[in-house]
Amino acid sequence: MKPVIPLIIVFVVAIIIGMMGSSNYDAYVAERDQRNLQAAVEDCKSLFSQGQEQEDCITKSLDVFGTEYQQAQWQNRDYTLNP
């Protein structure tokens, strides 16, 4: 019965470490996507003059990297693109 207790402790610690790692990864992914979105929007602005092509480029960038909130802002023509 005694070998079970250390095994349970190791299992609980592993679960806690796994949850912490997953949380850090989610924050990293959100930050990375925000940087990529900003870079993509700047590229769209430099590649295309204002017009339909630029809007299509930004829309596609938002579809890939943007949050649902940012996509809704763009559809409502609120061009701030805040997170």
C-alpha atoms as a PDB file:
ATOM      1  CA  MET A   1       0.000   0.000   0.000  1.00  0.00           C
ATOM      2  CA  LYS A   2       2.858   2.420   0.730  1.00  0.00           C
ATOM      3  CA  PRO A   3       4.292   2.454  -2.834  1.00  0.00           C
ATOM      4  CA  VAL A   4       0.924   3.735  -4.056  1.00  0.00           C
ATOM      5  CA  ILE A   5       1.191   7.019  -2.125  1.00  0.00           C
ATOM      6  CA  PRO A   6       4.377   8.266  -3.881  1.00  0.00           C
ATOM      7  CA  LEU A   7       2.881   7.213  -7.209  1.00  0.00           C
ATOM      8  CA  ILE A   8      -0.260   9.250  -6.528  1.00  0.00           C
ATOM      9  CA  ILE A   9       1.851  12.268  -5.523  1.00  0.00           C
ATOM     10  CA  VAL A  10       3.908  12.015  -8.724  1.00  0.00           C
ATOM     11  CA  PHE A  11       0.715  11.710 -10.782  1.00  0.00           C
ATOM     12  CA  VAL A  12      -0.851  14.806  -9.163  1.00  0.00           C
ATOM     13  CA  VAL A  13       2.330  16.855  -9.657  1.00  0.00           C
ATOM     14  CA  ALA A  14       2.481  15.792 -13.317  1.00  0.00           C
ATOM     15  CA  ILE A  15      -1.109  16.906 -13.860  1.00  0.00           C
ATOM     16  CA  ILE A  16      -0.425  20.289 -12.263  1.00  0.00           C
ATOM     17  CA  ILE A  17       2.695  20.821 -14.383  1.00  0.00           C
ATOM     18  CA  GLY A  18       0.770  19.830 -17.504  1.00  0.00           C
ATOM     19  CA  MET A  19      -1.990  22.337 -16.761  1.00  0.00           C
ATOM     20  CA  MET A  20       0.540  25.119 -16.173  1.00  0.00           C
ATOM     21  CA  GLY A  21       2.331  24.303 -19.428  1.00  0.00           C
ATOM     22  CA  SER A  22      -0.915  24.339 -21.380  1.00  0.00           C
ATOM     23  CA  SER A  23      -1.843  27.727 -19.926  1.00  0.00           C
ATOM     24  CA  ASN A  24       1.531  29.217 -20.875  1.00  0.00           C
ATOM     25  CA  TYR A  25       1.229  27.802 -24.382  1.00  0.00           C
ATOM     26  CA  ASP A  26      -2.195  29.400 -24.902  1.00  0.00           C
ATOM     27  CA  ALA A  27      -0.819  32.793 -23.856  1.00  0.00           C
ATOM     28  CA  TYR A  28       2.161  32.349 -26.190  1.00  0.00           C
ATOM     29  CA  VAL A  29      -0.089  31.427 -29.131  1.00  0.00           C
ATOM     30  CA  ALA A  30      -2.340  34.455 -28.569  1.00  0.00           C
ATOM     31  CA  GLU A  31       0.667  36.781 -28.411  1.00  0.00           C
ATOM     32  CA  ARG A  32       2.224  35.217 -31.525  1.00  0.00           C
ATOM     33  CA  ASP A  33      -1.020  35.517 -33.484  1.00  0.00           C
ATOM     34  CA  GLN A  34      -1.343  39.181 -32.515  1.00  0.00           C
ATOM     35  CA  ARG A  35       2.193  39.912 -33.756  1.00  0.00           C
ATOM     36  CA  ASN A  36       1.521  38.017 -36.984  1.00  0.00           C
ATOM     37  CA  LEU A  37      -1.751  39.902 -37.512  1.00  0.00           C
ATOM     38  CA  GLN A  38      -0.034  43.252 -37.066  1.00  0.00           C
ATOM     39  CA  ALA A  39       2.701  42.260 -39.531  1.00  0.00           C
ATOM     40  CA  ALA A  40       0.161  40.954 -42.059  1.00  0.00           C
ATOM     41  CA  VAL A  41      -1.933  44.139 -41.892  1.00  0.00           C
ATOM     42  CA  GLU A  42       1.168  46.275 -42.398  1.00  0.00           C
ATOM     43  CA  ASP A  43       2.130  44.116 -45.378  1.00  0.00           C
ATOM     44  CA  CYS A  44      -1.350  44.528 -46.841  1.00  0.00           C
ATOM     45  CA  LYS A  45      -1.082  48.290 -46.459  1.00  0.00           C
ATOM     46  CA  SER A  46       2.315  48.405 -48.155  1.00  0.00           C
ATOM     47  CA  LEU A  47       1.458  45.972 -50.964  1.00  0.00           C
ATOM     48  CA  PHE A  48      -1.923  47.372 -51.973  1.00  0.00           C
ATOM     49  CA  SER A  49      -3.235  50.899 -52.273  1.00  0.00           C
ATOM     50  CA  GLN A  50      -6.477  51.649 -50.477  1.00  0.00           C
ATOM     51  CA  GLY A  51      -9.302  49.814 -52.100  1.00  0.00           C
ATOM     52  CA  GLN A  52     -10.889  46.417 -52.468  1.00  0.00           C
ATOM     53  CA  GLU A  53      -7.613  44.481 -52.800  1.00  0.00           C
ATOM     54  CA  GLN A  54      -6.279  45.913 -49.546  1.00  0.00           C
ATOM     55  CA  GLU A  55      -9.554  45.181 -47.747  1.00  0.00           C
ATOM     56  CA  ASP A  56      -9.558  41.602 -49.069  1.00  0.00           C
ATOM     57  CA  CYS A  57      -5.961  41.142 -47.895  1.00  0.00           C
ATOM     58  CA  ILE A  58      -6.764  42.454 -44.416  1.00  0.00           C
ATOM     59  CA  THR A  59      -9.917  40.321 -44.232  1.00  0.00           C
ATOM     60  CA  LYS A  60      -7.917  37.198 -45.076  1.00  0.00           C
ATOM     61  CA  SER A  61      -5.283  38.109 -42.484  1.00  0.00           C
ATOM     62  CA  LEU A  62      -7.989  38.535 -39.860  1.00  0.00           C
ATOM     63  CA  ASP A  63      -9.504  35.179 -40.792  1.00  0.00           C
ATOM     64  CA  VAL A  64      -6.154  33.510 -40.112  1.00  0.00           C
ATOM     65  CA  PHE A  65      -4.745  35.435 -37.139  1.00  0.00           C
ATOM     66  CA  GLY A  66      -7.582  37.547 -35.715  1.00  0.00           C
ATOM     67  CA  THR A  67      -9.830  36.871 -32.769  1.00  0.00           C
ATOM     68  CA  GLU A  68     -13.592  36.720 -33.175  1.00  0.00           C
ATOM     69  CA  TYR A  69     -13.815  40.170 -31.608  1.00  0.00           C
ATOM     70  CA  GLN A  70     -11.336  41.623 -34.115  1.00  0.00           C
ATOM     71  CA  GLN A  71     -13.178  40.004 -37.014  1.00  0.00           C
ATOM     72  CA  ALA A  72     -16.451  41.514 -35.780  1.00  0.00           C
ATOM     73  CA  GLN A  73     -14.794  44.945 -35.520  1.00  0.00           C
ATOM     74  CA  TRP A  74     -13.572  44.660 -39.097  1.00  0.00           C
ATOM     75  CA  GLN A  75     -16.981  43.581 -40.378  1.00  0.00           C
ATOM     76  CA  ASN A  76     -18.543  46.577 -38.601  1.00  0.00           C
ATOM     77  CA  ARG A  77     -15.832  48.781 -40.148  1.00  0.00           C
ATOM     78  CA  ASP A  78     -14.245  49.702 -36.829  1.00  0.00           C
ATOM     79  CA  TYR A  79     -10.652  49.867 -38.084  1.00  0.00           C
ATOM     80  CA  THR A  80      -8.875  50.039 -34.717  1.00  0.00           C
ATOM     81  CA  LEU A  81      -8.210  46.243 -34.612  1.00  0.00           C
ATOM     82  CA  ASN A  82      -7.664  46.183 -30.862  1.00  0.00           C
ATOM     83  CA  PRO A  83      -7.318  42.788 -29.133  1.00  0.00           C
END
